[in-house]
Amino acid sequence: GPSVATRTLMAMAGEGEGPKTADMLAALKRHDSYVDTTIGNLADLKRWDDAAKVLEQWGPSERSTIFALFRAQWAPLRKTPQFWAIMEREGLVEFWKQSGQWPDFCVHEPVCEAHKGS
């Protein structure tokens, strides 16, 4: 049948419910998918809790796609401790504090305030 990614896109287009989260996690475990892709698919299906859990697996190999987490559609992910743990670990929170240049989403979302203190 169609891949997890294809079934996710079909669901977003209103055709079906999309793959089960368990199927997405199984594909990830089999290395048939990637952490960032899986998070994106879960976020696009608005399965925020599941996406946040997968954020815990975010590692160095996903570093190049970190800005995908800033997508406006994925704002609920930025309310999670897992998102902020990645931003801390990657040194972005420290950079934002030092430079005073916070990402655009901070203007529209109150999630940044807790992290702006020293």
C-alpha atoms as a PDB file:
ATOM      1  CA  GLY A   1       0.000   0.000   0.000  1.00  0.00           C
ATOM      2  CA  PRO A   2       0.927   3.664   0.025  1.00  0.00           C
ATOM      3  CA  SER A   3       3.736   4.837   2.304  1.00  0.00           C
ATOM      4  CA  VAL A   4       3.151   6.489   5.663  1.00  0.00           C
ATOM      5  CA  ALA A   5       4.021   9.862   4.102  1.00  0.00           C
ATOM      6  CA  THR A   6       1.579   9.335   1.223  1.00  0.00           C
ATOM      7  CA  ARG A   7      -1.196   8.270   3.592  1.00  0.00           C
ATOM      8  CA  THR A   8      -0.500  11.369   5.715  1.00  0.00           C
ATOM      9  CA  LEU A   9      -0.817  13.616   2.657  1.00  0.00           C
ATOM     10  CA  MET A  10      -4.033  11.827   1.640  1.00  0.00           C
ATOM     11  CA  ALA A  11      -5.481  12.412   5.121  1.00  0.00           C
ATOM     12  CA  MET A  12      -4.521  16.088   4.971  1.00  0.00           C
ATOM     13  CA  ALA A  13      -6.421  16.251   1.661  1.00  0.00           C
ATOM     14  CA  GLY A  14      -9.487  14.760   3.380  1.00  0.00           C
ATOM     15  CA  GLU A  15      -9.052  11.186   2.154  1.00  0.00           C
ATOM     16  CA  GLY A  16      -9.005   8.923   5.194  1.00  0.00           C
ATOM     17  CA  GLU A  17      -7.666   9.318   8.703  1.00  0.00           C
ATOM     18  CA  GLY A  18      -4.026   8.845   7.883  1.00  0.00           C
ATOM     19  CA  PRO A  19      -1.740   6.121   9.181  1.00  0.00           C
ATOM     20  CA  LYS A  20      -2.012   5.036  12.788  1.00  0.00           C
ATOM     21  CA  THR A  21       0.614   6.545  15.071  1.00  0.00           C
ATOM     22  CA  ALA A  22       1.778   3.011  15.896  1.00  0.00           C
ATOM     23  CA  ASP A  23       2.453   2.392  12.182  1.00  0.00           C
ATOM     24  CA  MET A  24       4.462   5.617  11.982  1.00  0.00           C
ATOM     25  CA  LEU A  25       6.507   4.658  15.041  1.00  0.00           C
ATOM     26  CA  ALA A  26       7.079   1.171  13.636  1.00  0.00           C
ATOM     27  CA  ALA A  27       8.352   2.673  10.350  1.00  0.00           C
ATOM     28  CA  LEU A  28      10.697   4.885  12.377  1.00  0.00           C
ATOM     29  CA  LYS A  29      11.979   1.916  14.355  1.00  0.00           C
ATOM     30  CA  ARG A  30      12.563  -0.052  11.114  1.00  0.00           C
ATOM     31  CA  HIS A  31      14.479   2.961   9.725  1.00  0.00           C
ATOM     32  CA  ASP A  32      11.843   3.305   6.972  1.00  0.00           C
ATOM     33  CA  SER A  33      11.232   6.871   8.148  1.00  0.00           C
ATOM     34  CA  TYR A  34      13.135   9.649   9.865  1.00  0.00           C
ATOM     35  CA  VAL A  35      12.579  11.376  13.201  1.00  0.00           C
ATOM     36  CA  ASP A  36      11.939  14.792  11.640  1.00  0.00           C
ATOM     37  CA  THR A  37       9.646  13.353   8.957  1.00  0.00           C
ATOM     38  CA  THR A  38       7.689  11.388  11.558  1.00  0.00           C
ATOM     39  CA  ILE A  39       7.293  14.483  13.742  1.00  0.00           C
ATOM     40  CA  GLY A  40       6.148  16.425  10.687  1.00  0.00           C
ATOM     41  CA  ASN A  41       3.600  13.789   9.720  1.00  0.00           C
ATOM     42  CA  LEU A  42       2.222  13.622  13.269  1.00  0.00           C
ATOM     43  CA  ALA A  43       2.091  17.417  13.496  1.00  0.00           C
ATOM     44  CA  ASP A  44       0.334  17.695  10.140  1.00  0.00           C
ATOM     45  CA  LEU A  45      -2.265  15.232  11.458  1.00  0.00           C
ATOM     46  CA  LYS A  46      -2.524  17.369  14.632  1.00  0.00           C
ATOM     47  CA  ARG A  47      -1.402  14.509  16.890  1.00  0.00           C
ATOM     48  CA  TRP A  48       0.489  16.928  19.105  1.00  0.00           C
ATOM     49  CA  ASP A  49       1.119  14.614  22.080  1.00  0.00           C
ATOM     50  CA  ASP A  50       2.517  11.906  19.824  1.00  0.00           C
ATOM     51  CA  ALA A  51       4.676  14.415  17.941  1.00  0.00           C
ATOM     52  CA  ALA A  52       6.018  15.773  21.251  1.00  0.00           C
ATOM     53  CA  LYS A  53       7.009  12.250  22.347  1.00  0.00           C
ATOM     54  CA  VAL A  54       8.943  11.719  19.109  1.00  0.00           C
ATOM     55  CA  LEU A  55      10.697  15.076  19.671  1.00  0.00           C
ATOM     56  CA  GLU A  56      12.497  13.294  22.522  1.00  0.00           C
ATOM     57  CA  GLN A  57      14.346  11.274  19.834  1.00  0.00           C
ATOM     58  CA  TRP A  58      15.545  14.407  18.006  1.00  0.00           C
ATOM     59  CA  GLY A  59      19.284  14.096  17.578  1.00  0.00           C
ATOM     60  CA  PRO A  60      22.258  15.483  15.662  1.00  0.00           C
ATOM     61  CA  SER A  61      21.148  13.909  12.362  1.00  0.00           C
ATOM     62  CA  GLU A  62      17.981  16.060  12.460  1.00  0.00           C
ATOM     63  CA  ARG A  63      19.881  19.282  13.184  1.00  0.00           C
ATOM     64  CA  SER A  64      19.744  20.519   9.581  1.00  0.00           C
ATOM     65  CA  THR A  65      15.931  20.519   9.595  1.00  0.00           C
ATOM     66  CA  ILE A  66      15.456  22.231  12.963  1.00  0.00           C
ATOM     67  CA  PHE A  67      13.802  25.289  11.429  1.00  0.00           C
ATOM     68  CA  ALA A  68      10.912  23.113  10.216  1.00  0.00           C
ATOM     69  CA  LEU A  69       9.856  23.168  13.880  1.00  0.00           C
ATOM     70  CA  PHE A  70       9.239  26.905  13.488  1.00  0.00           C
ATOM     71  CA  ARG A  71       6.398  26.414  10.952  1.00  0.00           C
ATOM     72  CA  ALA A  72       3.321  28.432  11.893  1.00  0.00           C
ATOM     73  CA  GLN A  73       1.117  25.346  11.528  1.00  0.00           C
ATOM     74  CA  TRP A  74       3.139  23.531  14.177  1.00  0.00           C
ATOM     75  CA  ALA A  75       2.749  26.151  16.915  1.00  0.00           C
ATOM     76  CA  PRO A  76       1.326  23.579  19.391  1.00  0.00           C
ATOM     77  CA  LEU A  77       4.701  21.791  19.381  1.00  0.00           C
ATOM     78  CA  ARG A  78       6.350  24.946  20.721  1.00  0.00           C
ATOM     79  CA  LYS A  79       4.249  24.678  23.886  1.00  0.00           C
ATOM     80  CA  THR A  80       5.964  21.397  24.778  1.00  0.00           C
ATOM     81  CA  PRO A  81       8.958  20.957  27.060  1.00  0.00           C
ATOM     82  CA  GLN A  82      10.442  18.662  24.406  1.00  0.00           C
ATOM     83  CA  PHE A  83      10.630  21.531  21.887  1.00  0.00           C
ATOM     84  CA  TRP A  84      12.374  23.800  24.383  1.00  0.00           C
ATOM     85  CA  ALA A  85      14.759  21.006  25.421  1.00  0.00           C
ATOM     86  CA  ILE A  86      15.933  20.826  21.789  1.00  0.00           C
ATOM     87  CA  MET A  87      16.271  24.603  21.554  1.00  0.00           C
ATOM     88  CA  GLU A  88      18.344  24.601  24.774  1.00  0.00           C
ATOM     89  CA  ARG A  89      20.489  21.642  23.732  1.00  0.00           C
ATOM     90  CA  GLU A  90      21.223  23.167  20.320  1.00  0.00           C
ATOM     91  CA  GLY A  91      22.273  26.437  21.958  1.00  0.00           C
ATOM     92  CA  LEU A  92      19.502  28.440  20.311  1.00  0.00           C
ATOM     93  CA  VAL A  93      17.943  29.780  23.527  1.00  0.00           C
ATOM     94  CA  GLU A  94      21.353  31.036  24.649  1.00  0.00           C
ATOM     95  CA  PHE A  95      21.938  32.610  21.230  1.00  0.00           C
ATOM     96  CA  TRP A  96      18.527  34.312  21.323  1.00  0.00           C
ATOM     97  CA  LYS A  97      19.203  35.654  24.829  1.00  0.00           C
ATOM     98  CA  GLN A  98      22.690  36.914  23.918  1.00  0.00           C
ATOM     99  CA  SER A  99      21.645  38.496  20.631  1.00  0.00           C
ATOM    100  CA  GLY A 100      18.225  39.715  21.714  1.00  0.00           C
ATOM    101  CA  GLN A 101      16.990  38.372  18.366  1.00  0.00           C
ATOM    102  CA  TRP A 102      14.175  35.928  19.064  1.00  0.00           C
ATOM    103  CA  PRO A 103      12.434  33.976  16.296  1.00  0.00           C
ATOM    104  CA  ASP A 104       9.375  35.440  14.585  1.00  0.00           C
ATOM    105  CA  PHE A 105       7.053  32.979  16.316  1.00  0.00           C
ATOM    106  CA  CYS A 106       7.858  34.667  19.651  1.00  0.00           C
ATOM    107  CA  VAL A 107       6.016  37.772  18.436  1.00  0.00           C
ATOM    108  CA  HIS A 108       2.781  35.827  17.932  1.00  0.00           C
ATOM    109  CA  GLU A 109       3.058  33.146  20.613  1.00  0.00           C
ATOM    110  CA  PRO A 110       3.502  33.698  24.360  1.00  0.00           C
ATOM    111  CA  VAL A 111       5.662  30.544  24.606  1.00  0.00           C
ATOM    112  CA  CYS A 112       8.961  32.431  24.568  1.00  0.00           C
ATOM    113  CA  GLU A 113       8.404  34.575  27.646  1.00  0.00           C
ATOM    114  CA  ALA A 114       9.295  31.825  30.129  1.00  0.00           C
ATOM    115  CA  HIS A 115      12.643  31.357  28.377  1.00  0.00           C
ATOM    116  CA  LYS A 116      13.698  34.996  28.091  1.00  0.00           C
ATOM    117  CA  GLY A 117      14.700  35.354  31.746  1.00  0.00           C
ATOM    118  CA  SER A 118      18.366  34.971  32.529  1.00  0.00           C
END
